[in-house]
Amino acid sequence: MIGEQSSSASRSTTAARVKRPTWKDPRLALGAVLVVASVVGTVYLVRELNHTTEVYVAGANITLGEELTLQNLRIENVQLGESGTQYLAANPELISEARANTFIGEGEFIPNSSITHNDLGSRRPINIELPADLTPAITPGSFVDVWIAQREKAGSTYGVPEQLASMVEVSARVARAGGLVNQTGTNLELLVEPTHLEPLLQALANESRIIVIYNPAGTQQ
């Protein structure tokens, strides 16, 4: 009898141990919460990874003052995350009467800060002819320092160069070839502030020597 009672008590203890948990069991409730949180987090992560934004991209080089149109823009679906609000969304209303207030290179996203619906800024584009061996570092969107060497009154000599302006943005660069004497050269379009506009125009009219020097500090802007 004692043996039977001992065996019965052992079975009762074992049954108690393997008893199925109920919904009232806090461990089961905690496990369910963790599973649900994991599923929700995974769904949110996948949704964010697949979320794209339609933005305008420059379909060609866009210079200062150029109007933004469907001809010089294209639309791309990109994953930009939170930074997407910094770029021009693909909405025709946003480009209505909009112009670039700086150079925008082909294939670049268009920052909202690079367009204006108001009058253009104070800078004005000026074209100058330079030698063909201009450093390749000078490209649209880069910055140069401009120096002027005045032509002497007699002969074809020039005076000591003097700096006219620093950190002048280049908006376009075009190689030039041919002509009556088969000369080659480079045409640069510079965005010039009003204070430098008159002396630069005078230098061009007087056939002074204009020298541009690449300024690498412009890449840090």
C-alpha atoms as a PDB file:
ATOM      1  CA  MET A   1       0.000   0.000   0.000  1.00  0.00           C
ATOM      2  CA  ILE A   2       2.763   2.343   0.874  1.00  0.00           C
ATOM      3  CA  GLY A   3       4.413   1.601  -2.493  1.00  0.00           C
ATOM      4  CA  GLU A   4       1.193   2.275  -4.359  1.00  0.00           C
ATOM      5  CA  GLN A   5       0.664   5.563  -2.550  1.00  0.00           C
ATOM      6  CA  SER A   6       4.226   6.610  -3.336  1.00  0.00           C
ATOM      7  CA  SER A   7       3.786   5.756  -7.026  1.00  0.00           C
ATOM      8  CA  SER A   8       0.468   7.629  -7.174  1.00  0.00           C
ATOM      9  CA  ALA A   9       2.024  10.723  -5.608  1.00  0.00           C
ATOM     10  CA  SER A  10       4.916  10.589  -8.093  1.00  0.00           C
ATOM     11  CA  ARG A  11       2.493  10.440 -11.043  1.00  0.00           C
ATOM     12  CA  SER A  12       0.545  13.384  -9.657  1.00  0.00           C
ATOM     13  CA  THR A  13       3.737  15.429  -9.328  1.00  0.00           C
ATOM     14  CA  THR A  14       4.792  14.558 -12.890  1.00  0.00           C
ATOM     15  CA  ALA A  15       1.343  15.428 -14.246  1.00  0.00           C
ATOM     16  CA  ALA A  16       1.490  18.767 -12.499  1.00  0.00           C
ATOM     17  CA  ARG A  17       4.827  19.494 -14.125  1.00  0.00           C
ATOM     18  CA  VAL A  18       3.666  18.735 -17.683  1.00  0.00           C
ATOM     19  CA  LYS A  19       0.307  20.442 -17.360  1.00  0.00           C
ATOM     20  CA  ARG A  20      -0.455  22.571 -20.393  1.00  0.00           C
ATOM     21  CA  PRO A  21      -0.079  26.329 -19.824  1.00  0.00           C
ATOM     22  CA  THR A  22      -3.211  28.431 -20.010  1.00  0.00           C
ATOM     23  CA  TRP A  23      -3.724  31.915 -21.407  1.00  0.00           C
ATOM     24  CA  LYS A  24      -3.459  33.132 -17.872  1.00  0.00           C
ATOM     25  CA  ASP A  25       0.148  31.946 -17.727  1.00  0.00           C
ATOM     26  CA  PRO A  26       2.324  35.157 -17.840  1.00  0.00           C
ATOM     27  CA  ARG A  27       5.102  33.330 -19.675  1.00  0.00           C
ATOM     28  CA  LEU A  28       2.782  32.427 -22.528  1.00  0.00           C
ATOM     29  CA  ALA A  29       1.451  35.992 -22.722  1.00  0.00           C
ATOM     30  CA  LEU A  30       4.992  37.404 -22.805  1.00  0.00           C
ATOM     31  CA  GLY A  31       5.974  34.993 -25.574  1.00  0.00           C
ATOM     32  CA  ALA A  32       2.954  36.012 -27.642  1.00  0.00           C
ATOM     33  CA  VAL A  33       3.836  39.695 -27.241  1.00  0.00           C
ATOM     34  CA  LEU A  34       7.404  39.058 -28.381  1.00  0.00           C
ATOM     35  CA  VAL A  35       6.232  37.141 -31.451  1.00  0.00           C
ATOM     36  CA  VAL A  36       3.783  39.875 -32.451  1.00  0.00           C
ATOM     37  CA  ALA A  37       6.432  42.587 -31.940  1.00  0.00           C
ATOM     38  CA  SER A  38       8.907  40.648 -34.082  1.00  0.00           C
ATOM     39  CA  VAL A  39       6.385  40.245 -36.925  1.00  0.00           C
ATOM     40  CA  VAL A  40       5.390  43.918 -36.822  1.00  0.00           C
ATOM     41  CA  GLY A  41       9.045  45.009 -36.802  1.00  0.00           C
ATOM     42  CA  THR A  42       9.872  42.774 -39.779  1.00  0.00           C
ATOM     43  CA  VAL A  43       6.900  44.066 -41.779  1.00  0.00           C
ATOM     44  CA  TYR A  44       7.879  47.678 -41.039  1.00  0.00           C
ATOM     45  CA  LEU A  45      11.512  47.073 -42.003  1.00  0.00           C
ATOM     46  CA  VAL A  46      10.562  45.408 -45.306  1.00  0.00           C
ATOM     47  CA  ARG A  47       8.126  48.233 -46.075  1.00  0.00           C
ATOM     48  CA  GLU A  48      10.802  50.868 -45.426  1.00  0.00           C
ATOM     49  CA  LEU A  49      13.367  49.041 -47.559  1.00  0.00           C
ATOM     50  CA  ASN A  50      10.905  48.860 -50.451  1.00  0.00           C
ATOM     51  CA  HIS A  51       9.692  52.449 -50.085  1.00  0.00           C
ATOM     52  CA  THR A  52      10.763  54.642 -52.983  1.00  0.00           C
ATOM     53  CA  THR A  53      10.246  58.297 -53.774  1.00  0.00           C
ATOM     54  CA  GLU A  54       9.754  59.832 -57.190  1.00  0.00           C
ATOM     55  CA  VAL A  55      12.142  62.756 -57.662  1.00  0.00           C
ATOM     56  CA  TYR A  56      13.351  64.869 -60.549  1.00  0.00           C
ATOM     57  CA  VAL A  57      16.869  64.272 -61.859  1.00  0.00           C
ATOM     58  CA  ALA A  58      18.728  66.579 -64.238  1.00  0.00           C
ATOM     59  CA  GLY A  59      18.498  65.035 -67.696  1.00  0.00           C
ATOM     60  CA  ALA A  60      21.228  67.391 -68.937  1.00  0.00           C
ATOM     61  CA  ASN A  61      23.515  70.075 -67.536  1.00  0.00           C
ATOM     62  CA  ILE A  62      21.352  72.906 -66.202  1.00  0.00           C
ATOM     63  CA  THR A  63      23.022  76.304 -65.892  1.00  0.00           C
ATOM     64  CA  LEU A  64      22.220  79.299 -63.723  1.00  0.00           C
ATOM     65  CA  GLY A  65      18.916  80.888 -64.677  1.00  0.00           C
ATOM     66  CA  GLU A  66      17.832  78.028 -66.929  1.00  0.00           C
ATOM     67  CA  GLU A  67      14.171  77.154 -66.632  1.00  0.00           C
ATOM     68  CA  LEU A  68      13.302  73.690 -65.363  1.00  0.00           C
ATOM     69  CA  THR A  69      11.144  71.797 -67.829  1.00  0.00           C
ATOM     70  CA  LEU A  70      10.199  68.230 -68.649  1.00  0.00           C
ATOM     71  CA  GLN A  71      12.750  68.459 -71.469  1.00  0.00           C
ATOM     72  CA  ASN A  72      15.783  68.902 -69.191  1.00  0.00           C
ATOM     73  CA  LEU A  73      14.485  66.721 -66.345  1.00  0.00           C
ATOM     74  CA  ARG A  74      13.654  63.070 -65.891  1.00  0.00           C
ATOM     75  CA  ILE A  75      11.873  61.164 -63.124  1.00  0.00           C
ATOM     76  CA  GLU A  76      13.480  58.380 -61.086  1.00  0.00           C
ATOM     77  CA  ASN A  77      12.231  56.164 -58.269  1.00  0.00           C
ATOM     78  CA  VAL A  78      14.906  56.184 -55.575  1.00  0.00           C
ATOM     79  CA  GLN A  79      15.322  55.092 -51.981  1.00  0.00           C
ATOM     80  CA  LEU A  80      16.336  58.241 -50.138  1.00  0.00           C
ATOM     81  CA  GLY A  81      14.829  57.626 -46.714  1.00  0.00           C
ATOM     82  CA  GLU A  82      14.389  60.704 -44.571  1.00  0.00           C
ATOM     83  CA  SER A  83      16.688  62.725 -46.852  1.00  0.00           C
ATOM     84  CA  GLY A  84      14.106  62.511 -49.646  1.00  0.00           C
ATOM     85  CA  THR A  85      12.441  65.723 -48.473  1.00  0.00           C
ATOM     86  CA  GLN A  86      15.623  67.649 -49.379  1.00  0.00           C
ATOM     87  CA  TYR A  87      15.212  66.964 -53.100  1.00  0.00           C
ATOM     88  CA  LEU A  88      12.741  68.139 -55.721  1.00  0.00           C
ATOM     89  CA  ALA A  89       9.766  65.791 -55.779  1.00  0.00           C
ATOM     90  CA  ALA A  90       8.347  64.737 -59.140  1.00  0.00           C
ATOM     91  CA  ASN A  91       5.431  67.142 -59.166  1.00  0.00           C
ATOM     92  CA  PRO A  92       4.780  69.325 -62.236  1.00  0.00           C
ATOM     93  CA  GLU A  93       3.444  72.107 -60.016  1.00  0.00           C
ATOM     94  CA  LEU A  94       6.825  72.410 -58.282  1.00  0.00           C
ATOM     95  CA  ILE A  95       8.686  73.204 -61.507  1.00  0.00           C
ATOM     96  CA  SER A  96       6.174  75.693 -62.832  1.00  0.00           C
ATOM     97  CA  GLU A  97       8.186  78.875 -63.530  1.00  0.00           C
ATOM     98  CA  ALA A  98      11.119  77.441 -61.562  1.00  0.00           C
ATOM     99  CA  ARG A  99      14.726  78.217 -62.495  1.00  0.00           C
ATOM    100  CA  ALA A 100      18.106  76.936 -61.355  1.00  0.00           C
ATOM    101  CA  ASN A 101      19.983  79.320 -59.095  1.00  0.00           C
ATOM    102  CA  THR A 102      23.217  77.367 -59.501  1.00  0.00           C
ATOM    103  CA  PHE A 103      24.757  74.824 -61.847  1.00  0.00           C
ATOM    104  CA  ILE A 104      23.168  71.355 -61.717  1.00  0.00           C
ATOM    105  CA  GLY A 105      25.091  68.568 -63.408  1.00  0.00           C
ATOM    106  CA  GLU A 106      23.501  65.918 -65.610  1.00  0.00           C
ATOM    107  CA  GLY A 107      22.276  62.931 -63.595  1.00  0.00           C
ATOM    108  CA  GLU A 108      22.260  64.804 -60.266  1.00  0.00           C
ATOM    109  CA  PHE A 109      19.344  64.911 -57.881  1.00  0.00           C
ATOM    110  CA  ILE A 110      18.010  68.459 -57.612  1.00  0.00           C
ATOM    111  CA  PRO A 111      18.155  69.917 -54.095  1.00  0.00           C
ATOM    112  CA  ASN A 112      15.237  72.178 -53.234  1.00  0.00           C
ATOM    113  CA  SER A 113      17.789  74.849 -52.379  1.00  0.00           C
ATOM    114  CA  SER A 114      19.069  74.831 -55.987  1.00  0.00           C
ATOM    115  CA  ILE A 115      15.889  76.217 -57.530  1.00  0.00           C
ATOM    116  CA  THR A 116      14.019  79.477 -57.219  1.00  0.00           C
ATOM    117  CA  HIS A 117      10.620  80.796 -58.247  1.00  0.00           C
ATOM    118  CA  ASN A 118      11.712  84.377 -57.669  1.00  0.00           C
ATOM    119  CA  ASP A 119      14.078  86.652 -59.545  1.00  0.00           C
ATOM    120  CA  LEU A 120      17.539  85.213 -60.050  1.00  0.00           C
ATOM    121  CA  GLY A 121      20.269  85.932 -57.581  1.00  0.00           C
ATOM    122  CA  SER A 122      22.805  88.678 -58.069  1.00  0.00           C
ATOM    123  CA  ARG A 123      25.258  86.567 -60.092  1.00  0.00           C
ATOM    124  CA  ARG A 124      25.333  86.892 -63.856  1.00  0.00           C
ATOM    125  CA  PRO A 125      26.826  84.486 -66.434  1.00  0.00           C
ATOM    126  CA  ILE A 126      29.840  85.829 -68.371  1.00  0.00           C
ATOM    127  CA  ASN A 127      31.652  83.898 -71.125  1.00  0.00           C
ATOM    128  CA  ILE A 128      35.397  84.168 -71.512  1.00  0.00           C
ATOM    129  CA  GLU A 129      37.815  82.540 -73.962  1.00  0.00           C
ATOM    130  CA  LEU A 130      40.813  80.754 -72.500  1.00  0.00           C
ATOM    131  CA  PRO A 131      43.642  78.550 -73.834  1.00  0.00           C
ATOM    132  CA  ALA A 132      42.916  74.950 -74.745  1.00  0.00           C
ATOM    133  CA  ASP A 133      45.336  73.566 -72.142  1.00  0.00           C
ATOM    134  CA  LEU A 134      43.095  74.628 -69.251  1.00  0.00           C
ATOM    135  CA  THR A 135      43.342  72.167 -66.367  1.00  0.00           C
ATOM    136  CA  PRO A 136      40.686  69.407 -66.544  1.00  0.00           C
ATOM    137  CA  ALA A 137      39.889  70.046 -62.865  1.00  0.00           C
ATOM    138  CA  ILE A 138      37.932  73.118 -63.955  1.00  0.00           C
ATOM    139  CA  THR A 139      34.505  71.714 -64.763  1.00  0.00           C
ATOM    140  CA  PRO A 140      30.904  72.930 -64.446  1.00  0.00           C
ATOM    141  CA  GLY A 141      30.158  73.320 -60.757  1.00  0.00           C
ATOM    142  CA  SER A 142      33.793  73.881 -59.740  1.00  0.00           C
ATOM    143  CA  PHE A 143      35.232  77.168 -58.457  1.00  0.00           C
ATOM    144  CA  VAL A 144      38.087  79.321 -59.696  1.00  0.00           C
ATOM    145  CA  ASP A 145      39.979  82.444 -58.731  1.00  0.00           C
ATOM    146  CA  VAL A 146      40.054  85.095 -61.466  1.00  0.00           C
ATOM    147  CA  TRP A 147      43.156  87.238 -62.132  1.00  0.00           C
ATOM    148  CA  ILE A 148      43.554  90.111 -64.598  1.00  0.00           C
ATOM    149  CA  ALA A 149      46.780  91.184 -66.330  1.00  0.00           C
ATOM    150  CA  GLN A 150      46.288  94.573 -67.999  1.00  0.00           C
ATOM    151  CA  ARG A 151      47.649  95.006 -71.507  1.00  0.00           C
ATOM    152  CA  GLU A 152      50.437  97.549 -71.650  1.00  0.00           C
ATOM    153  CA  LYS A 153      49.781 100.670 -73.749  1.00  0.00           C
ATOM    154  CA  ALA A 154      52.624  99.880 -76.108  1.00  0.00           C
ATOM    155  CA  GLY A 155      53.228  96.480 -77.630  1.00  0.00           C
ATOM    156  CA  SER A 156      51.658  93.149 -76.725  1.00  0.00           C
ATOM    157  CA  THR A 157      53.055  92.786 -73.220  1.00  0.00           C
ATOM    158  CA  TYR A 158      51.005  92.592 -70.059  1.00  0.00           C
ATOM    159  CA  GLY A 159      51.387  93.959 -66.559  1.00  0.00           C
ATOM    160  CA  VAL A 160      51.562  92.030 -63.310  1.00  0.00           C
ATOM    161  CA  PRO A 161      48.357  89.987 -62.779  1.00  0.00           C
ATOM    162  CA  GLU A 162      46.047  91.190 -60.013  1.00  0.00           C
ATOM    163  CA  GLN A 163      43.350  89.119 -58.412  1.00  0.00           C
ATOM    164  CA  LEU A 164      39.844  90.215 -59.346  1.00  0.00           C
ATOM    165  CA  ALA A 165      37.702  87.642 -57.543  1.00  0.00           C
ATOM    166  CA  SER A 166      37.919  84.436 -55.539  1.00  0.00           C
ATOM    167  CA  MET A 167      35.621  81.416 -55.518  1.00  0.00           C
ATOM    168  CA  VAL A 168      33.834  82.173 -58.777  1.00  0.00           C
ATOM    169  CA  GLU A 169      31.584  79.305 -59.859  1.00  0.00           C
ATOM    170  CA  VAL A 170      31.958  77.763 -63.308  1.00  0.00           C
ATOM    171  CA  SER A 171      28.576  77.066 -64.894  1.00  0.00           C
ATOM    172  CA  ALA A 172      29.694  75.685 -68.269  1.00  0.00           C
ATOM    173  CA  ARG A 173      32.801  74.635 -70.183  1.00  0.00           C
ATOM    174  CA  VAL A 174      32.947  74.153 -73.948  1.00  0.00           C
ATOM    175  CA  ALA A 175      35.984  73.243 -76.048  1.00  0.00           C
ATOM    176  CA  ARG A 176      36.415  75.472 -79.084  1.00  0.00           C
ATOM    177  CA  ALA A 177      38.241  74.474 -82.244  1.00  0.00           C
ATOM    178  CA  GLY A 178      38.648  75.688 -85.801  1.00  0.00           C
ATOM    179  CA  GLY A 179      38.268  79.237 -87.016  1.00  0.00           C
ATOM    180  CA  LEU A 180      40.121  81.118 -89.742  1.00  0.00           C
ATOM    181  CA  VAL A 181      43.491  80.495 -88.120  1.00  0.00           C
ATOM    182  CA  ASN A 182      42.586  77.032 -86.837  1.00  0.00           C
ATOM    183  CA  GLN A 183      42.985  78.086 -83.212  1.00  0.00           C
ATOM    184  CA  THR A 184      41.757  75.976 -80.337  1.00  0.00           C
ATOM    185  CA  GLY A 185      40.634  77.113 -76.934  1.00  0.00           C
ATOM    186  CA  THR A 186      38.141  76.755 -74.121  1.00  0.00           C
ATOM    187  CA  ASN A 187      35.040  78.801 -73.463  1.00  0.00           C
ATOM    188  CA  LEU A 188      34.148  79.155 -69.793  1.00  0.00           C
ATOM    189  CA  GLU A 189      30.897  80.530 -68.454  1.00  0.00           C
ATOM    190  CA  LEU A 190      31.472  82.121 -65.042  1.00  0.00           C
ATOM    191  CA  LEU A 191      28.823  83.239 -62.551  1.00  0.00           C
ATOM    192  CA  VAL A 192      30.011  86.702 -61.563  1.00  0.00           C
ATOM    193  CA  GLU A 193      28.811  88.948 -58.738  1.00  0.00           C
ATOM    194  CA  PRO A 194      27.816  92.550 -59.678  1.00  0.00           C
ATOM    195  CA  THR A 195      30.877  94.032 -57.940  1.00  0.00           C
ATOM    196  CA  HIS A 196      33.156  92.072 -60.284  1.00  0.00           C
ATOM    197  CA  LEU A 197      31.029  92.377 -63.398  1.00  0.00           C
ATOM    198  CA  GLU A 198      32.197  95.813 -64.602  1.00  0.00           C
ATOM    199  CA  PRO A 199      35.973  95.271 -64.173  1.00  0.00           C
ATOM    200  CA  LEU A 200      35.696  91.897 -65.912  1.00  0.00           C
ATOM    201  CA  LEU A 201      33.812  93.422 -68.831  1.00  0.00           C
ATOM    202  CA  GLN A 202      36.431  96.176 -69.040  1.00  0.00           C
ATOM    203  CA  ALA A 203      39.182  93.565 -69.124  1.00  0.00           C
ATOM    204  CA  LEU A 204      37.426  91.796 -71.984  1.00  0.00           C
ATOM    205  CA  ALA A 205      36.932  95.052 -73.886  1.00  0.00           C
ATOM    206  CA  ASN A 206      40.565  96.091 -73.394  1.00  0.00           C
ATOM    207  CA  GLU A 207      41.845  92.660 -74.445  1.00  0.00           C
ATOM    208  CA  SER A 208      43.519  92.165 -71.090  1.00  0.00           C
ATOM    209  CA  ARG A 209      44.720  88.716 -70.160  1.00  0.00           C
ATOM    210  CA  ILE A 210      42.264  86.827 -67.959  1.00  0.00           C
ATOM    211  CA  ILE A 211      43.681  84.004 -65.886  1.00  0.00           C
ATOM    212  CA  VAL A 212      41.582  81.487 -63.981  1.00  0.00           C
ATOM    213  CA  ILE A 213      43.058  79.251 -61.304  1.00  0.00           C
ATOM    214  CA  TYR A 214      41.247  76.208 -59.983  1.00  0.00           C
ATOM    215  CA  ASN A 215      40.279  76.607 -56.315  1.00  0.00           C
ATOM    216  CA  PRO A 216      39.890  73.171 -54.638  1.00  0.00           C
ATOM    217  CA  ALA A 217      38.245  74.788 -51.606  1.00  0.00           C
ATOM    218  CA  GLY A 218      35.058  74.955 -53.660  1.00  0.00           C
ATOM    219  CA  THR A 219      34.606  71.174 -53.333  1.00  0.00           C
ATOM    220  CA  GLN A 220      34.105  71.615 -49.585  1.00  0.00           C
ATOM    221  CA  GLN A 221      31.013  73.776 -50.014  1.00  0.00           C
END
